[in-house]
Amino acid sequence: MIFHARVENHPCRTRGSPRVPSPLLRSIRRRAASPNKFRERNLTARDELDVSLVDFIQAQPWWNRRNGKDHFMALGRVVQDFIRKPNDRDYGAGRLLNLPAVKNMSVLIIERHPWQGKNQYGIPYPSYFHPSTRQEMAWWQNKMRKVRRPYLFSFIGAPRRKAAIRNEFIRQCGESTRCKLLNCGTPDGRSKCGEPSEVLKVMTESRFCLQAPGDSFTRRSTFDSVLAGCIPVFFSPHSAYTQYGWYLPGERSSYSVFIDQKSKASERIEEELMKISSKKVKMMREKLLGLVPSLTYAHPNATNSGIGDAVDVALVSLAKQVNKIIN
């Protein structure tokens, strides 16, 4: 919805194409917000809105120009929610991305399929900051440069049965005086994890932020940590490196730390992070803060702000792809 709001006010937007009918949009939003969608046992009913949306798009004259190859859609859930095979009854999954027409389109998504997502492009999760001007952005970046960070590293998250490494993080962080832990699995932690000020406070007090896979490879927390100038520590390449090629530098060590979750190093995180010099940390943080504008969603009213936000990066990249198709 944030991406949609930015595009609505974008100076390059044309006014000739029809909008998706309001009743269909309202139904899609209502169904997406309803937990009953994910428990729908009738697969035809579960897929009804996805099919209706694609049928509407294909019925437009603009589709026929290039059979949808110059179309895109933006999705605010991870890829597993959209790739159910026709007769599977996977809990929570639809088959939008497996519809033939959608395979012709470019799909912007917060988590792409690392191996099968040829037409999928990772875009940042929205964080807490939506600036309207370049001055606001510069103010925030300078603030994060100067903030005092008494903790070496931190972890914010809850235990996960399918991600045992999180339990290891909670154990290691809880045993270290150099780590700040916010355990979202406790009653007090759950309330604090829902408060932006509490989350950012932990991250701004830390030099490194552990980014563990959870129910899927990626985390919104990664983009919170970038915003806070807290260097992300990844334990799977699919948490960021194979996801956000339009947004992140190819030299991963310039802005992040990678520790293979299957290695012995993951059992001594504090020791591994202590090896990184203060000079290197400062350079990494500066690189990270330089990425903040392109990983942020500007306020929808920030037309021509010059920020060069996540939407601008995506649209420029999409335009390059369409030009290749045309030429």
Protein backbone atom coordinates (compact mmCIF):
# COMPACT_ATOMS: atom_id res chain seq x y z
CA MET A 1 0.00 0.00 0.00
CA ILE A 2 2.93 2.35 0.68
CA PHE A 3 4.41 1.60 -2.75
CA HIS A 4 1.01 2.22 -4.33
CA ALA A 5 0.66 5.56 -2.55
CA ARG A 6 4.08 6.69 -3.77
CA VAL A 7 3.32 5.70 -7.37
CA GLU A 8 -0.05 7.49 -7.25
CA ASN A 9 1.79 10.77 -6.65
CA HIS A 10 4.80 10.07 -8.88
CA PRO A 11 5.53 12.78 -11.49
CA CYS A 12 5.87 10.12 -14.23
CA ARG A 13 2.43 8.65 -13.64
CA THR A 14 0.11 8.71 -16.65
CA ARG A 15 -3.62 9.31 -16.36
CA GLY A 16 -4.87 7.30 -19.33
CA SER A 17 -4.99 3.81 -17.83
CA PRO A 18 -8.05 2.70 -15.85
CA ARG A 19 -7.84 1.93 -12.15
CA VAL A 20 -8.74 -1.47 -10.80
CA PRO A 21 -12.48 -1.24 -9.94
CA SER A 22 -13.00 -0.06 -6.37
CA PRO A 23 -15.20 -3.03 -5.34
CA LEU A 24 -12.47 -5.45 -6.45
CA LEU A 25 -9.77 -3.47 -4.61
CA ARG A 26 -11.86 -3.32 -1.45
CA SER A 27 -12.46 -7.07 -1.63
CA ILE A 28 -8.76 -7.79 -2.12
CA ARG A 29 -7.77 -5.62 0.83
CA ARG A 30 -10.50 -7.06 3.06
CA ARG A 31 -9.60 -10.65 2.11
CA ALA A 32 -5.85 -9.99 2.55
CA ALA A 33 -6.48 -8.66 6.06
CA SER A 34 -8.73 -11.54 7.05
CA PRO A 35 -7.23 -14.65 8.69
CA ASN A 36 -10.11 -16.65 7.21
CA LYS A 37 -8.48 -16.36 3.78
CA PHE A 38 -5.61 -18.51 4.99
CA ARG A 39 -7.98 -21.14 6.40
CA GLU A 40 -10.20 -21.33 3.31
CA ARG A 41 -10.45 -25.03 2.41
CA ASN A 42 -12.17 -24.42 -0.92
CA LEU A 43 -9.18 -23.66 -3.13
CA THR A 44 -11.30 -22.13 -5.88
CA ALA A 45 -12.73 -19.66 -3.38
CA ARG A 46 -9.28 -18.98 -1.94
CA ASP A 47 -7.94 -18.07 -5.39
CA GLU A 48 -11.02 -16.19 -6.60
CA LEU A 49 -9.73 -12.65 -6.06
CA ASP A 50 -6.29 -13.41 -7.51
CA VAL A 51 -7.89 -14.78 -10.66
CA SER A 52 -10.34 -11.86 -10.89
CA LEU A 53 -7.52 -9.33 -10.62
CA VAL A 54 -5.45 -11.01 -13.33
CA ASP A 55 -8.49 -11.37 -15.60
CA PHE A 56 -9.18 -7.64 -15.26
CA ILE A 57 -5.59 -6.71 -16.11
CA GLN A 58 -5.49 -9.02 -19.14
CA ALA A 59 -8.72 -7.50 -20.45
CA GLN A 60 -7.10 -4.06 -20.81
CA PRO A 61 -5.74 -2.99 -24.22
CA TRP A 62 -2.38 -2.12 -22.68
CA TRP A 63 -1.80 -5.78 -21.82
CA ASN A 64 -1.91 -6.88 -25.45
CA ARG A 65 0.91 -4.60 -26.55
CA ARG A 66 3.57 -6.89 -25.06
CA ASN A 67 1.53 -9.62 -23.38
CA GLY A 68 2.22 -8.10 -19.95
CA LYS A 69 6.00 -7.94 -20.22
CA ASP A 70 5.87 -4.17 -19.52
CA HIS A 71 3.60 -4.63 -16.47
CA PHE A 72 4.55 -5.02 -12.82
CA MET A 73 2.88 -5.57 -9.47
CA ALA A 74 4.11 -4.94 -5.92
CA LEU A 75 3.36 -7.43 -3.14
CA GLY A 76 3.72 -6.85 0.59
CA ARG A 77 4.00 -10.48 1.72
CA VAL A 78 6.73 -13.09 1.29
CA VAL A 79 6.82 -15.32 -1.77
CA GLN A 80 5.59 -18.49 -0.02
CA ASP A 81 2.16 -16.88 0.30
CA PHE A 82 1.73 -16.76 -3.50
CA ILE A 83 3.21 -19.95 -4.98
CA ARG A 84 0.83 -22.74 -4.01
CA LYS A 85 0.46 -25.40 -6.70
CA PRO A 86 -3.12 -25.86 -8.01
CA ASN A 87 -4.21 -28.82 -5.86
CA ASP A 88 -2.02 -28.25 -2.80
CA ARG A 89 -3.67 -27.23 0.45
CA ASP A 90 -0.70 -25.38 1.94
CA TYR A 91 -1.87 -23.31 4.88
CA GLY A 92 -2.05 -19.66 3.93
CA ALA A 93 -0.83 -19.93 0.35
CA GLY A 94 -2.42 -18.62 -2.82
CA ARG A 95 -1.21 -19.26 -6.36
CA LEU A 96 -1.05 -15.71 -7.73
CA LEU A 97 2.58 -16.00 -8.83
CA ASN A 98 1.94 -19.31 -10.54
CA LEU A 99 -0.77 -17.88 -12.80
CA PRO A 100 0.62 -17.85 -16.38
CA ALA A 101 -0.12 -14.16 -16.96
CA VAL A 102 1.71 -13.10 -13.80
CA LYS A 103 4.79 -15.03 -14.91
CA ASN A 104 5.02 -12.54 -17.81
CA MET A 105 5.04 -9.58 -15.42
CA SER A 106 7.74 -8.21 -13.16
CA VAL A 107 6.89 -8.83 -9.51
CA LEU A 108 8.25 -6.54 -6.81
CA ILE A 109 8.11 -8.38 -3.51
CA ILE A 110 9.59 -8.04 -0.02
CA GLU A 111 11.00 -11.57 -0.26
CA ARG A 112 11.58 -13.29 -3.60
CA HIS A 113 12.14 -16.99 -4.22
CA PRO A 114 15.94 -17.41 -4.26
CA TRP A 115 15.92 -20.15 -6.91
CA GLN A 116 12.68 -19.89 -8.89
CA GLY A 117 12.00 -16.15 -8.84
CA LYS A 118 13.31 -15.11 -12.26
CA ASN A 119 10.59 -12.47 -12.63
CA GLN A 120 10.69 -11.52 -8.94
CA TYR A 121 12.69 -8.57 -7.59
CA GLY A 122 13.21 -7.96 -3.89
CA ILE A 123 12.18 -4.55 -2.57
CA PRO A 124 12.76 -3.31 0.99
CA TYR A 125 10.37 -3.95 3.83
CA PRO A 126 8.93 -0.61 5.02
CA SER A 127 10.58 0.66 8.19
CA TYR A 128 9.50 3.48 10.52
CA PHE A 129 10.89 6.53 8.73
CA HIS A 130 9.09 8.21 5.80
CA PRO A 131 10.81 11.56 5.16
CA SER A 132 9.35 14.29 2.97
CA THR A 133 12.55 16.18 2.16
CA ARG A 134 16.26 15.61 1.60
CA GLN A 135 16.89 17.78 4.64
CA GLU A 136 14.95 15.37 6.86
CA MET A 137 16.97 12.49 5.45
CA ALA A 138 20.29 14.26 6.03
CA TRP A 139 19.24 15.15 9.59
CA TRP A 140 18.51 11.51 10.36
CA GLN A 141 21.77 10.24 8.83
CA ASN A 142 23.81 12.74 10.85
CA LYS A 143 21.96 11.80 14.02
CA MET A 144 22.81 8.12 13.51
CA ARG A 145 26.48 8.98 12.91
CA LYS A 146 26.78 10.72 16.26
CA VAL A 147 24.74 8.44 18.51
CA ARG A 148 26.61 6.62 21.30
CA ARG A 149 26.60 2.81 20.96
CA PRO A 150 27.61 1.15 24.24
CA TYR A 151 26.75 -2.41 23.13
CA LEU A 152 28.78 -4.51 20.71
CA PHE A 153 25.74 -6.33 19.35
CA SER A 154 22.04 -6.90 19.92
CA PHE A 155 19.23 -9.25 19.03
CA ILE A 156 15.55 -8.43 18.76
CA GLY A 157 13.21 -11.34 18.15
CA ALA A 158 11.27 -14.28 19.48
CA PRO A 159 12.17 -17.97 19.50
CA ARG A 160 11.04 -19.98 16.45
CA ARG A 161 10.59 -23.73 16.30
CA LYS A 162 11.76 -23.81 12.68
CA ALA A 163 14.74 -21.52 13.33
CA ALA A 164 16.72 -23.01 16.18
CA ILE A 165 19.52 -20.50 15.61
CA ARG A 166 17.30 -17.85 17.20
CA ASN A 167 17.38 -19.76 20.46
CA GLU A 168 21.17 -19.80 20.18
CA PHE A 169 21.19 -16.02 19.68
CA ILE A 170 18.99 -15.51 22.72
CA ARG A 171 21.29 -17.72 24.79
CA GLN A 172 24.53 -16.06 23.65
CA CYS A 173 23.14 -12.55 23.95
CA GLY A 174 21.68 -13.22 27.40
CA GLU A 175 25.06 -14.49 28.64
CA SER A 176 27.06 -11.51 27.33
CA THR A 177 27.49 -8.09 28.95
CA ARG A 178 28.28 -6.72 25.47
CA CYS A 179 24.89 -7.69 24.02
CA LYS A 180 21.50 -5.99 24.30
CA LEU A 181 18.62 -8.49 24.11
CA LEU A 182 14.98 -7.73 23.41
CA ASN A 183 13.20 -11.07 23.60
CA CYS A 184 9.87 -10.69 21.83
CA GLY A 185 8.76 -14.05 23.21
CA THR A 186 8.22 -12.72 26.74
CA PRO A 187 5.17 -10.66 27.82
CA ASP A 188 7.30 -7.56 28.43
CA GLY A 189 9.26 -8.13 25.23
CA ARG A 190 6.13 -8.52 23.10
CA SER A 191 4.84 -5.11 24.15
CA LYS A 192 8.21 -3.43 23.56
CA CYS A 193 8.75 -5.13 20.20
CA GLY A 194 5.56 -3.46 18.98
CA GLU A 195 6.87 0.01 19.85
CA PRO A 196 9.10 1.67 17.20
CA SER A 197 10.87 3.77 19.83
CA GLU A 198 11.84 0.68 21.84
CA VAL A 199 13.08 -1.22 18.79
CA LEU A 200 15.14 1.67 17.46
CA LYS A 201 16.53 2.41 20.94
CA VAL A 202 18.06 -1.08 21.11
CA MET A 203 19.47 -0.80 17.59
CA THR A 204 20.89 2.70 17.97
CA GLU A 205 22.73 1.57 21.12
CA SER A 206 24.38 -1.32 19.22
CA ARG A 207 27.21 -1.57 16.72
CA PHE A 208 25.97 -4.84 15.19
CA CYS A 209 22.44 -6.26 14.88
CA LEU A 210 21.93 -10.01 14.48
CA GLN A 211 19.52 -10.82 11.66
CA ALA A 212 18.36 -14.39 12.03
CA PRO A 213 16.05 -16.16 9.59
CA GLY A 214 12.62 -16.78 11.10
CA ASP A 215 9.54 -18.19 9.43
CA SER A 216 11.24 -17.27 6.15
CA PHE A 217 14.68 -16.08 5.04
CA THR A 218 14.15 -12.31 5.34
CA ARG A 219 13.19 -9.95 8.17
CA ARG A 220 11.75 -6.47 8.39
CA SER A 221 14.28 -6.00 11.19
CA THR A 222 17.10 -5.84 8.62
CA PHE A 223 15.78 -2.53 7.33
CA ASP A 224 15.16 -1.23 10.84
CA SER A 225 18.82 -1.89 11.61
CA VAL A 226 19.99 -0.09 8.46
CA LEU A 227 17.85 2.88 9.43
CA ALA A 228 19.44 2.84 12.89
CA GLY A 229 22.99 2.61 11.54
CA CYS A 230 23.39 -0.80 13.17
CA ILE A 231 25.52 -3.08 10.97
CA PRO A 232 23.48 -6.19 10.06
CA VAL A 233 24.96 -9.63 10.74
CA PHE A 234 23.52 -12.25 8.40
CA PHE A 235 23.59 -16.01 8.80
CA SER A 236 22.05 -17.00 5.46
CA PRO A 237 22.86 -15.43 2.06
CA HIS A 238 19.13 -15.49 1.29
CA SER A 239 18.35 -13.02 4.09
CA ALA A 240 19.63 -10.16 1.91
CA TYR A 241 22.36 -10.94 -0.63
CA THR A 242 20.21 -12.94 -3.08
CA GLN A 243 17.16 -10.78 -2.43
CA TYR A 244 17.85 -7.08 -2.97
CA GLY A 245 20.17 -6.85 -5.97
CA TRP A 246 18.78 -3.48 -7.01
CA TYR A 247 19.53 -1.97 -3.61
CA LEU A 248 22.60 -3.50 -1.98
CA PRO A 249 26.25 -3.22 -3.07
CA GLY A 250 27.91 -6.28 -4.54
CA GLU A 251 30.69 -6.03 -1.96
CA ARG A 252 28.73 -7.42 0.99
CA SER A 253 31.53 -6.96 3.51
CA SER A 254 31.43 -3.19 2.97
CA TYR A 255 28.16 -2.84 4.91
CA SER A 256 27.45 -6.18 6.65
CA VAL A 257 28.91 -9.24 8.36
CA PHE A 258 28.23 -12.79 7.23
CA ILE A 259 28.55 -15.76 9.59
CA ASP A 260 27.42 -19.09 8.17
CA GLN A 261 24.79 -20.47 10.55
CA LYS A 262 26.20 -23.98 10.00
CA SER A 263 29.72 -22.96 11.00
CA LYS A 264 31.43 -23.08 14.39
CA ALA A 265 31.69 -19.29 14.24
CA SER A 266 27.93 -19.02 14.84
CA GLU A 267 28.55 -20.53 18.29
CA ARG A 268 30.88 -17.67 19.28
CA ILE A 269 29.32 -14.55 17.77
CA GLU A 270 30.79 -12.12 20.29
CA GLU A 271 34.29 -13.42 19.64
CA GLU A 272 33.86 -13.06 15.88
CA LEU A 273 32.54 -9.50 16.10
CA MET A 274 35.33 -8.45 18.48
CA LYS A 275 37.81 -9.18 15.69
CA ILE A 276 36.46 -6.28 13.59
CA SER A 277 38.45 -3.10 14.24
CA SER A 278 36.85 0.21 15.25
CA LYS A 279 38.13 1.75 12.02
CA LYS A 280 36.44 -0.94 9.96
CA VAL A 281 33.21 -0.56 11.94
CA LYS A 282 33.19 3.19 11.26
CA MET A 283 33.69 2.62 7.53
CA MET A 284 30.92 0.01 7.42
CA ARG A 285 28.50 2.26 9.26
CA GLU A 286 29.20 5.13 6.88
CA LYS A 287 28.52 2.85 3.93
CA LEU A 288 25.34 1.63 5.61
CA LEU A 289 24.06 5.15 6.28
CA GLY A 290 24.70 5.99 2.64
CA LEU A 291 22.22 3.24 1.73
CA VAL A 292 19.41 4.60 3.93
CA PRO A 293 17.77 6.87 1.29
CA SER A 294 17.40 4.11 -1.31
CA LEU A 295 16.11 1.62 1.29
CA THR A 296 13.51 4.04 2.67
CA TYR A 297 9.99 4.77 1.45
CA ALA A 298 9.54 8.52 1.31
CA HIS A 299 6.25 10.06 2.39
CA PRO A 300 3.66 9.76 -0.41
CA ASN A 301 3.38 13.55 -0.55
CA ALA A 302 7.13 13.91 -1.12
CA THR A 303 6.83 14.39 -4.89
CA ASN A 304 10.12 15.53 -6.44
CA SER A 305 11.83 15.43 -3.04
CA GLY A 306 15.10 14.29 -4.59
CA ILE A 307 15.55 11.61 -1.93
CA GLY A 308 15.89 8.77 -4.44
CA ASP A 309 13.91 6.35 -2.29
CA ALA A 310 13.07 2.65 -2.68
CA VAL A 311 10.27 3.39 -5.15
CA ASP A 312 12.51 5.56 -7.33
CA VAL A 313 15.16 2.82 -7.44
CA ALA A 314 12.58 0.21 -8.43
CA LEU A 315 11.01 2.34 -11.16
CA VAL A 316 14.39 3.19 -12.71
CA SER A 317 15.36 -0.50 -12.70
CA LEU A 318 12.01 -1.51 -14.21
CA ALA A 319 12.33 1.13 -16.94
CA LYS A 320 15.71 -0.31 -17.94
CA GLN A 321 14.15 -3.76 -18.27
CA VAL A 322 11.26 -2.53 -20.40
CA ASN A 323 13.68 -0.64 -22.67
CA LYS A 324 15.52 -3.90 -23.27
CA ILE A 325 12.23 -5.54 -24.29
CA ILE A 326 11.29 -2.66 -26.60
CA ASN A 327 14.72 -2.41 -28.19
